[in-house]
Amino acid sequence: MLEFSKKSNTLEQAAYKYSLQDIKEPNLYRTLFPYDEVPKVPFNHRHVPFNVPDEIWITDTTFRDGQQSRAPYTTQQIVDIFDMLHRLSGPKGIVRQTEFFLYSEKDRNALYKCMERGYKFPEVTTWIRATKSDFQLVKDIGIQETGILVSCSDYHIFKKLNMTRRQAADHYLSVVKDALSIGIKPRCHLEDITRADFYGFVVPFVNELMELSREAGIPIKIRACDTLGLGVSYPGVALPRSVQGIIYGLRHYSDVPAELLEWHGHNDFYKGVTNAATAWLYGAAAVNCSLLGIGERTGNVPLEAMVFEYTGLRGTTDGMDISVITEIAEYFEKEIGYEIPPMTPFVGKNFNVTRAGIHADGLLKDEEIYNIFDTAKLLNRPPMVAVTNLSGLAGIAHWINSYYRLEEGQKIDKKDPLVAKMKEWVDAEYEGGRIIAISDEELETLVNEYAPGRFTK
């Protein structure tokens, strides 16, 4: 049977309307996930089209998934971070929502205080399990939207929930109906989608959700959760691991509008950022992230990374205050005591620091040679040089110019006598067996000793 599709303006086979397959034994894709071996990457060489939404944005899970791998934030820390997310988001709400737990009094106090701020962006939402008791918490709060955990792989349905697929779907649908009955917008978190039977469970289940949404006149969001970071974005890769295949299938076969479709990734195989950007390119309007990528195991998609992906893809910041990223990083280190790995892009201490003498010489001549962009302008982080036995005169000169933020006309070069004197001290340190870089504090002490009063920080 053929039907004309308004989505593609072509004739399509009606056979692609999928029904839930209520199998007796779980499909665990053992050929792909043998457990005693590294997961396999299957290809079927099928390609789906780019389908970039008119608008794309970021949602945040710093206060939900981001708290599952560390000591909980204090209420004040949550409010402070929320304020910075608001400034980063900008007037267009590129960071559109953030989600909260509701289980403790502290969680609820933090949520209330953030709501009292009255910000349009990011909107405050919640997250619950698909249980009646959790739903009661949402009703008591009076929130407009909540995430609901709807695990979709047979690993979870059969092994964790001890249900059949039909039982799981009916259970999830009952909680969604409860939300719709009092006008709360459900956001269904399809946990472990990259190990799920996509056409045997995911698509038919989402079809039922979309039908409920149409009947109620209330949007139901779909969050595709790559819980174990198994998603792959290679061209021609097969389901269930294909990021673009998942997004295309939800858009095309389940009629999920772009603005209701969201990707939530993890970084277990170093693919978090690329997979999130791929989700944008193939039709999801939102990608879900946490600040600094903090999350369980290897972490979530770093929110700050997707800020730069957004800017690169759209050609504009759309009003985001990117310099807030540096303030966020400083807050996490100084106020929260979180140690950011120094090589972390955009936020690590050394992300724009070079130790190689030849690189330092290039930076001294023109920082654009070795710096990824104007980090001083965009992030309030001028490029720096870590002084070692490899830095040479140029490295020390560049350190002075950057550390003291000297303007054009004030900057010194490697021929300055102060630089030569400092290099003598540095060389002596390494000749004496030193192996670590010279700290900023040591170098500042040298400047004050050799040229007292010449520079002020």
Protein backbone atom coordinates (compact mmCIF):
# COMPACT_ATOMS: atom_id res chain seq x y z
CA MET A 1 0.00 0.00 0.00
CA LEU A 2 1.29 3.46 -0.93
CA GLU A 3 0.55 6.78 0.75
CA PHE A 4 1.60 10.30 -0.18
CA SER A 5 3.77 11.79 2.57
CA LYS A 6 3.47 15.52 3.24
CA LYS A 7 6.80 15.39 5.08
CA SER A 8 8.80 14.29 2.05
CA ASN A 9 6.29 15.12 -0.71
CA THR A 10 6.80 11.63 -2.08
CA LEU A 11 4.93 8.35 -2.15
CA GLU A 12 5.96 6.08 0.72
CA GLN A 13 5.12 2.52 1.67
CA ALA A 14 2.62 2.29 4.51
CA ALA A 15 4.53 -0.77 5.72
CA TYR A 16 6.86 1.65 7.48
CA LYS A 17 4.20 2.31 10.11
CA TYR A 18 5.69 0.26 12.91
CA SER A 19 3.87 -1.68 15.62
CA LEU A 20 5.27 -2.55 19.04
CA GLN A 21 6.84 -6.01 19.01
CA ASP A 22 6.02 -7.56 22.38
CA ILE A 23 8.65 -10.29 22.31
CA LYS A 24 9.09 -12.86 25.10
CA GLU A 25 12.89 -12.69 25.34
CA PRO A 26 14.95 -9.49 25.40
CA ASN A 27 16.87 -8.38 22.33
CA LEU A 28 20.26 -7.48 23.78
CA TYR A 29 22.11 -7.14 20.45
CA ARG A 30 24.77 -9.52 21.67
CA THR A 31 26.65 -9.40 18.35
CA LEU A 32 27.14 -5.66 18.91
CA PHE A 33 27.46 -5.65 22.70
CA PRO A 34 29.16 -8.93 23.71
CA TYR A 35 30.14 -7.36 27.10
CA ASP A 36 33.42 -9.27 27.32
CA GLU A 37 34.61 -7.37 24.24
CA VAL A 38 34.62 -3.76 23.05
CA PRO A 39 31.20 -2.84 21.54
CA LYS A 40 31.10 -3.25 17.75
CA VAL A 41 30.28 -0.51 15.24
CA PRO A 42 27.92 -1.92 12.56
CA PHE A 43 27.35 -0.34 9.14
CA ASN A 44 24.46 -0.76 6.74
CA HIS A 45 25.64 2.05 4.41
CA ARG A 46 22.27 3.78 4.54
CA HIS A 47 22.28 7.56 4.65
CA VAL A 48 19.63 9.94 5.92
CA PRO A 49 19.34 13.60 4.93
CA PHE A 50 20.46 16.66 6.88
CA ASN A 51 17.42 18.32 8.42
CA VAL A 52 18.67 21.24 10.51
CA PRO A 53 15.82 22.89 12.45
CA ASP A 54 15.05 26.58 12.00
CA GLU A 55 16.11 27.10 15.62
CA ILE A 56 18.50 25.08 17.75
CA TRP A 57 19.28 25.49 21.44
CA ILE A 58 20.84 24.00 24.55
CA THR A 59 19.20 22.59 27.66
CA ASP A 60 21.03 22.06 30.95
CA THR A 61 21.18 19.18 33.42
CA THR A 62 23.88 20.52 35.76
CA PHE A 63 21.57 20.31 38.78
CA ARG A 64 20.19 16.86 37.88
CA ASP A 65 22.54 14.55 35.98
CA GLY A 66 25.46 16.80 36.88
CA GLN A 67 24.89 16.12 40.59
CA GLN A 68 24.89 12.34 40.23
CA SER A 69 28.69 12.10 40.17
CA ARG A 70 29.75 14.57 42.86
CA ALA A 71 28.84 15.96 46.25
CA PRO A 72 25.55 17.86 45.98
CA TYR A 73 25.75 21.59 45.47
CA THR A 74 24.60 23.87 48.25
CA THR A 75 21.48 25.92 47.67
CA GLN A 76 23.56 29.08 47.27
CA GLN A 77 25.87 27.41 44.76
CA ILE A 78 22.87 26.32 42.68
CA VAL A 79 21.45 29.84 42.71
CA ASP A 80 24.84 31.36 41.77
CA ILE A 81 25.32 28.92 38.89
CA PHE A 82 21.74 29.50 37.75
CA ASP A 83 22.43 33.25 37.63
CA MET A 84 25.49 32.64 35.45
CA LEU A 85 23.54 30.31 33.16
CA HIS A 86 21.01 33.10 32.72
CA ARG A 87 23.74 35.56 31.71
CA LEU A 88 25.32 33.03 29.37
CA SER A 89 21.98 32.23 27.73
CA GLY A 90 21.40 35.73 26.41
CA PRO A 91 18.10 37.34 25.47
CA LYS A 92 17.21 34.67 22.90
CA GLY A 93 17.49 31.85 25.41
CA ILE A 94 20.11 29.72 23.71
CA VAL A 95 20.45 27.96 27.07
CA ARG A 96 16.71 27.42 27.23
CA GLN A 97 15.98 25.18 30.21
CA THR A 98 17.58 23.60 33.25
CA GLU A 99 16.25 20.67 35.25
CA PHE A 100 16.15 19.97 38.98
CA PHE A 101 15.70 17.05 41.33
CA LEU A 102 12.77 17.27 43.77
CA TYR A 103 13.60 14.54 46.27
CA SER A 104 15.12 16.49 49.17
CA GLU A 105 14.14 19.67 50.95
CA LYS A 106 17.40 21.23 49.75
CA ASP A 107 16.53 20.36 46.14
CA ARG A 108 13.14 22.00 46.47
CA ASN A 109 14.51 25.09 48.26
CA ALA A 110 17.04 25.61 45.47
CA LEU A 111 14.32 25.20 42.84
CA TYR A 112 12.08 27.74 44.57
CA LYS A 113 14.89 30.28 44.91
CA CYS A 114 15.78 29.95 41.23
CA MET A 115 12.14 30.33 40.21
CA GLU A 116 11.93 33.48 42.35
CA ARG A 117 14.55 35.04 40.10
CA GLY A 118 11.83 35.42 37.48
CA TYR A 119 14.13 34.70 34.54
CA LYS A 120 12.59 33.68 31.25
CA PHE A 121 15.76 31.72 30.45
CA PRO A 122 16.73 29.19 31.45
CA GLU A 123 13.26 27.88 32.31
CA VAL A 124 13.14 25.75 35.46
CA THR A 125 11.95 22.17 34.90
CA THR A 126 12.11 18.95 36.93
CA TRP A 127 12.87 15.25 36.50
CA ILE A 128 11.07 12.26 37.98
CA ARG A 129 10.89 8.51 37.66
CA ALA A 130 7.75 7.05 36.11
CA THR A 131 6.03 6.47 39.46
CA LYS A 132 2.88 7.86 41.06
CA SER A 133 4.78 9.04 44.16
CA ASP A 134 7.31 10.99 42.08
CA PHE A 135 4.51 12.54 40.07
CA GLN A 136 2.88 13.75 43.27
CA LEU A 137 6.02 15.82 43.96
CA VAL A 138 5.60 17.59 40.62
CA LYS A 139 1.93 18.30 41.33
CA ASP A 140 2.84 19.80 44.70
CA ILE A 141 5.49 22.09 43.19
CA GLY A 142 3.23 23.42 40.44
CA ILE A 143 5.91 23.17 37.73
CA GLN A 144 5.05 23.59 34.01
CA GLU A 145 7.22 20.79 32.58
CA THR A 146 8.83 17.67 33.96
CA GLY A 147 11.11 15.01 32.61
CA ILE A 148 9.91 11.42 33.07
CA LEU A 149 12.25 8.42 32.92
CA VAL A 150 11.03 5.96 30.27
CA SER A 151 13.79 3.40 29.80
CA CYS A 152 13.53 1.92 26.32
CA SER A 153 16.13 -0.81 25.86
CA ASP A 154 15.42 -4.43 26.71
CA TYR A 155 18.34 -4.28 29.11
CA HIS A 156 16.20 -1.97 31.24
CA ILE A 157 12.71 -3.23 30.42
CA PHE A 158 13.41 -6.92 31.01
CA LYS A 159 16.37 -6.86 33.39
CA LYS A 160 15.69 -3.79 35.57
CA LEU A 161 11.91 -3.38 35.45
CA ASN A 162 11.10 -7.10 35.01
CA MET A 163 8.38 -6.20 32.51
CA THR A 164 7.49 -7.00 28.94
CA ARG A 165 7.67 -4.23 26.35
CA ARG A 166 3.88 -3.80 26.37
CA GLN A 167 3.77 -3.64 30.14
CA ALA A 168 6.54 -1.04 30.20
CA ALA A 169 4.88 1.08 27.52
CA ASP A 170 1.52 0.97 29.32
CA HIS A 171 3.17 1.87 32.62
CA TYR A 172 4.95 4.86 31.08
CA LEU A 173 1.82 5.99 29.26
CA SER A 174 -0.20 5.98 32.48
CA VAL A 175 2.20 8.44 34.12
CA VAL A 176 2.25 10.63 31.02
CA LYS A 177 -1.56 10.68 31.06
CA ASP A 178 -1.46 11.80 34.69
CA ALA A 179 0.74 14.73 33.69
CA LEU A 180 -1.47 15.66 30.77
CA SER A 181 -4.60 15.49 32.92
CA ILE A 182 -3.49 18.50 34.94
CA GLY A 183 -1.81 20.37 32.08
CA ILE A 184 1.83 19.53 32.83
CA LYS A 185 4.05 19.12 29.77
CA PRO A 186 5.81 15.74 29.90
CA ARG A 187 9.37 15.32 28.64
CA CYS A 188 9.99 11.62 28.08
CA HIS A 189 13.58 10.53 28.66
CA LEU A 190 14.13 7.47 26.47
CA GLU A 191 16.94 5.97 28.51
CA ASP A 192 19.50 3.73 26.76
CA ILE A 193 18.17 4.41 23.27
CA THR A 194 21.44 3.34 21.60
CA ARG A 195 20.86 -0.25 22.79
CA ALA A 196 17.10 -0.27 22.15
CA ASP A 197 15.09 -2.04 19.46
CA PHE A 198 14.38 1.13 17.54
CA TYR A 199 11.63 -0.03 15.21
CA GLY A 200 10.36 -2.80 17.50
CA PHE A 201 9.81 -0.58 20.56
CA VAL A 202 11.04 3.02 20.35
CA VAL A 203 9.16 4.20 17.24
CA PRO A 204 5.80 2.53 18.06
CA PHE A 205 5.99 3.74 21.67
CA VAL A 206 6.76 7.31 20.59
CA ASN A 207 3.91 7.06 18.10
CA GLU A 208 1.58 6.40 21.03
CA LEU A 209 3.04 9.40 22.88
CA MET A 210 2.49 11.66 19.88
CA GLU A 211 -1.10 10.46 19.58
CA LEU A 212 -1.65 11.30 23.26
CA SER A 213 -0.12 14.73 22.64
CA ARG A 214 -2.48 15.42 19.75
CA GLU A 215 -5.52 14.30 21.75
CA ALA A 216 -4.60 16.45 24.76
CA GLY A 217 -3.40 19.44 22.80
CA ILE A 218 -0.27 19.50 24.99
CA PRO A 219 3.24 19.01 23.61
CA ILE A 220 5.15 15.92 24.72
CA LYS A 221 8.90 16.24 24.37
CA ILE A 222 11.12 13.32 23.44
CA ARG A 223 14.64 13.16 24.85
CA ALA A 224 16.82 10.53 23.16
CA CYS A 225 19.26 9.46 25.87
CA ASP A 226 22.56 7.90 24.85
CA THR A 227 23.02 6.63 28.39
CA LEU A 228 26.26 4.70 27.82
CA GLY A 229 27.76 6.98 25.19
CA LEU A 230 27.38 4.30 22.51
CA GLY A 231 26.08 6.65 19.82
CA VAL A 232 28.10 6.89 16.60
CA SER A 233 27.84 9.59 13.94
CA TYR A 234 29.83 7.98 11.11
CA PRO A 235 28.14 8.08 7.68
CA GLY A 236 26.35 4.82 6.95
CA VAL A 237 26.48 3.46 10.51
CA ALA A 238 23.57 1.24 11.48
CA LEU A 239 21.00 1.37 14.24
CA PRO A 240 20.78 1.14 17.18
CA ARG A 241 24.05 3.12 17.46
CA SER A 242 23.41 5.62 14.64
CA VAL A 243 22.79 9.11 16.04
CA GLN A 244 21.48 10.44 12.73
CA GLY A 245 19.39 7.32 12.24
CA ILE A 246 17.72 7.79 15.62
CA ILE A 247 16.95 11.46 15.01
CA TYR A 248 15.73 10.85 11.47
CA GLY A 249 13.55 7.94 12.56
CA LEU A 250 11.89 9.91 15.35
CA ARG A 251 11.24 12.83 13.02
CA HIS A 252 10.14 10.83 9.99
CA TYR A 253 8.35 7.76 11.37
CA SER A 254 7.03 9.17 14.65
CA ASP A 255 6.28 12.72 13.49
CA VAL A 256 8.16 14.31 16.39
CA PRO A 257 8.56 18.03 15.61
CA ALA A 258 12.10 19.37 15.86
CA GLU A 259 11.22 21.66 18.76
CA LEU A 260 10.07 18.65 20.81
CA LEU A 261 13.14 16.52 20.11
CA GLU A 262 16.24 16.57 22.29
CA TRP A 263 19.53 14.65 22.44
CA HIS A 264 21.17 13.68 25.74
CA GLY A 265 24.62 12.18 25.36
CA HIS A 266 27.47 10.82 27.44
CA ASN A 267 31.17 10.71 26.68
CA ASP A 268 32.13 7.10 27.38
CA PHE A 269 33.74 6.72 23.95
CA TYR A 270 34.89 10.35 23.51
CA LYS A 271 32.00 11.08 21.14
CA GLY A 272 29.78 13.28 23.30
CA VAL A 273 30.24 16.62 21.53
CA THR A 274 30.28 15.25 18.00
CA ASN A 275 27.14 13.19 18.63
CA ALA A 276 25.31 16.20 20.06
CA ALA A 277 26.20 18.36 17.06
CA THR A 278 25.11 15.53 14.76
CA ALA A 279 21.73 15.46 16.50
CA TRP A 280 21.32 19.16 15.73
CA LEU A 281 22.27 18.67 12.08
CA TYR A 282 19.81 15.84 11.53
CA GLY A 283 16.75 17.37 13.12
CA ALA A 284 16.80 17.73 16.92
CA ALA A 285 16.32 21.31 18.07
CA ALA A 286 17.82 20.75 21.52
CA VAL A 287 20.91 19.13 22.98
CA ASN A 288 21.09 18.45 26.71
CA CYS A 289 24.36 19.27 28.50
CA SER A 290 25.94 19.90 31.88
CA LEU A 291 28.46 22.57 32.82
CA LEU A 292 32.06 21.34 32.45
CA GLY A 293 30.64 18.00 31.29
CA ILE A 294 30.21 16.92 34.92
CA GLY A 295 28.09 13.78 35.11
CA GLU A 296 28.29 10.14 36.04
CA ARG A 297 31.06 7.92 34.68
CA THR A 298 32.78 9.89 31.88
CA GLY A 299 30.35 12.78 32.12
CA ASN A 300 27.74 14.48 29.99
CA VAL A 301 28.17 16.68 26.94
CA PRO A 302 29.92 19.86 28.20
CA LEU A 303 27.56 22.81 27.91
CA GLU A 304 30.39 25.22 27.17
CA ALA A 305 31.49 23.01 24.26
CA MET A 306 28.05 23.22 22.68
CA VAL A 307 28.06 27.00 23.08
CA PHE A 308 31.02 27.06 20.72
CA GLU A 309 29.48 24.42 18.44
CA TYR A 310 26.37 26.60 18.21
CA THR A 311 28.40 29.69 17.39
CA GLY A 312 30.42 27.83 14.77
CA LEU A 313 27.35 26.35 13.10
CA ARG A 314 25.20 29.49 13.19
CA GLY A 315 27.92 32.07 12.64
CA THR A 316 26.81 34.16 15.62
CA THR A 317 26.62 34.03 19.40
CA ASP A 318 23.00 35.22 19.17
CA GLY A 319 23.53 37.37 22.24
CA MET A 320 25.20 34.78 24.48
CA ASP A 321 27.75 36.28 26.88
CA ILE A 322 30.52 33.77 26.23
CA SER A 323 32.87 35.43 28.74
CA VAL A 324 30.65 34.02 31.51
CA ILE A 325 32.18 30.61 30.76
CA THR A 326 35.43 31.78 32.35
CA GLU A 327 33.55 33.05 35.40
CA ILE A 328 31.79 29.69 35.71
CA ALA A 329 35.10 27.83 35.57
CA GLU A 330 36.61 30.11 38.21
CA TYR A 331 33.55 29.69 40.42
CA PHE A 332 33.74 25.90 40.24
CA GLU A 333 37.40 25.92 41.22
CA LYS A 334 37.42 28.67 43.85
CA GLU A 335 33.96 28.43 45.42
CA ILE A 336 33.04 24.78 44.91
CA GLY A 337 36.54 23.30 45.05
CA TYR A 338 36.13 21.33 41.82
CA GLU A 339 39.44 20.72 40.10
CA ILE A 340 39.08 21.19 36.34
CA PRO A 341 41.61 19.08 34.41
CA PRO A 342 44.10 21.67 33.12
CA MET A 343 43.92 20.59 29.46
CA THR A 344 40.10 20.88 29.28
CA PRO A 345 39.13 23.01 26.25
CA PHE A 346 37.88 26.54 27.00
CA VAL A 347 37.90 26.18 30.80
CA GLY A 348 41.10 24.36 31.80
CA LYS A 349 44.03 26.32 33.19
CA ASN A 350 46.24 25.30 30.28
CA PHE A 351 43.78 25.27 27.37
CA ASN A 352 45.51 28.28 25.75
CA VAL A 353 48.92 27.89 27.40
CA THR A 354 51.93 26.76 25.38
CA ARG A 355 55.15 25.27 26.73
CA ALA A 356 57.10 24.94 23.50
CA GLY A 357 59.70 27.63 22.87
CA ILE A 358 59.04 27.80 19.13
CA HIS A 359 55.32 28.26 19.81
CA ALA A 360 56.04 31.00 22.33
CA ASP A 361 58.16 32.79 19.75
CA GLY A 362 55.22 32.65 17.34
CA LEU A 363 52.82 33.95 19.98
CA LEU A 364 55.17 36.84 20.70
CA LYS A 365 55.18 37.83 17.02
CA ASP A 366 51.43 37.32 16.50
CA GLU A 367 49.27 35.37 18.93
CA GLU A 368 46.95 34.33 16.09
CA ILE A 369 49.64 31.93 14.89
CA TYR A 370 49.13 29.56 17.83
CA ASN A 371 45.89 30.64 19.52
CA ILE A 372 42.56 29.10 18.45
CA PHE A 373 40.72 32.47 18.50
CA ASP A 374 40.93 35.74 20.41
CA THR A 375 40.54 34.11 23.81
CA ALA A 376 41.15 37.44 25.56
CA LYS A 377 38.18 39.04 23.79
CA LEU A 378 35.73 36.13 23.90
CA LEU A 379 36.64 34.45 27.17
CA ASN A 380 38.63 37.10 29.01
CA ARG A 381 41.52 34.61 28.89
CA PRO A 382 44.62 35.89 27.08
CA PRO A 383 46.94 33.18 25.73
CA MET A 384 49.70 32.29 28.16
CA VAL A 385 53.08 30.60 28.08
CA ALA A 386 54.14 28.12 30.75
CA VAL A 387 57.81 28.76 31.33
CA THR A 388 60.01 25.66 31.20
CA ASN A 389 63.47 24.80 29.95
CA LEU A 390 61.96 24.81 26.44
CA SER A 391 60.37 28.26 26.58
CA GLY A 392 63.40 30.33 25.65
CA LEU A 393 63.58 34.12 25.76
CA ALA A 394 60.39 34.46 23.70
CA GLY A 395 58.40 32.38 26.15
CA ILE A 396 59.45 34.48 29.13
CA ALA A 397 58.71 37.72 27.27
CA HIS A 398 55.28 36.45 26.29
CA TRP A 399 54.57 35.38 29.86
CA ILE A 400 55.33 38.90 31.11
CA ASN A 401 53.14 40.53 28.44
CA SER A 402 50.22 38.18 29.13
CA TYR A 403 50.48 37.93 32.90
CA TYR A 404 50.56 41.69 33.36
CA ARG A 405 48.13 42.23 30.45
CA LEU A 406 50.37 44.80 28.82
CA GLU A 407 48.82 46.86 26.03
CA GLU A 408 50.41 47.55 22.65
CA GLY A 409 53.24 50.01 23.17
CA GLN A 410 53.92 48.60 26.65
CA LYS A 411 54.82 45.07 25.63
CA ILE A 412 58.42 43.93 25.87
CA ASP A 413 60.29 41.60 23.52
CA LYS A 414 62.85 38.87 24.07
CA LYS A 415 65.74 41.35 23.82
CA ASP A 416 64.74 43.11 27.05
CA PRO A 417 67.46 42.77 29.76
CA LEU A 418 64.86 41.63 32.30
CA VAL A 419 64.01 38.66 30.09
CA ALA A 420 67.67 37.64 29.81
CA LYS A 421 68.09 37.81 33.57
CA MET A 422 65.04 35.71 34.23
CA LYS A 423 66.16 33.14 31.67
CA GLU A 424 69.47 32.74 33.49
CA TRP A 425 67.54 31.84 36.65
CA VAL A 426 65.25 29.47 34.76
CA ASP A 427 68.19 27.70 33.08
CA ALA A 428 69.89 27.28 36.45
CA GLU A 429 66.77 25.66 37.88
CA TYR A 430 66.64 23.00 35.18
CA GLU A 431 70.36 22.41 35.22
CA GLY A 432 69.90 21.65 38.91
CA GLY A 433 67.45 18.85 38.11
CA ARG A 434 64.08 20.58 38.05
CA ILE A 435 61.46 18.87 35.87
CA ILE A 436 58.23 20.83 36.47
CA ALA A 437 57.20 24.16 34.91
CA ILE A 438 58.00 27.43 36.67
CA SER A 439 54.92 28.68 38.48
CA ASP A 440 53.37 32.10 37.92
CA GLU A 441 54.11 32.95 41.55
CA GLU A 442 57.82 32.20 41.12
CA LEU A 443 58.02 34.28 37.96
CA GLU A 444 56.19 37.19 39.59
CA THR A 445 58.69 37.07 42.45
CA LEU A 446 61.54 37.25 39.95
CA VAL A 447 60.02 40.28 38.21
CA ASN A 448 59.60 42.07 41.55
CA GLU A 449 63.19 41.25 42.47
CA TYR A 450 64.87 42.16 39.17
CA ALA A 451 62.59 45.07 38.17
CA PRO A 452 60.80 46.34 41.28
CA GLY A 453 57.85 48.56 40.50
CA ARG A 454 58.13 48.15 36.72
CA PHE A 455 54.92 46.11 36.32
CA THR A 456 51.74 45.81 38.36
CA LYS A 457 49.22 42.99 38.01
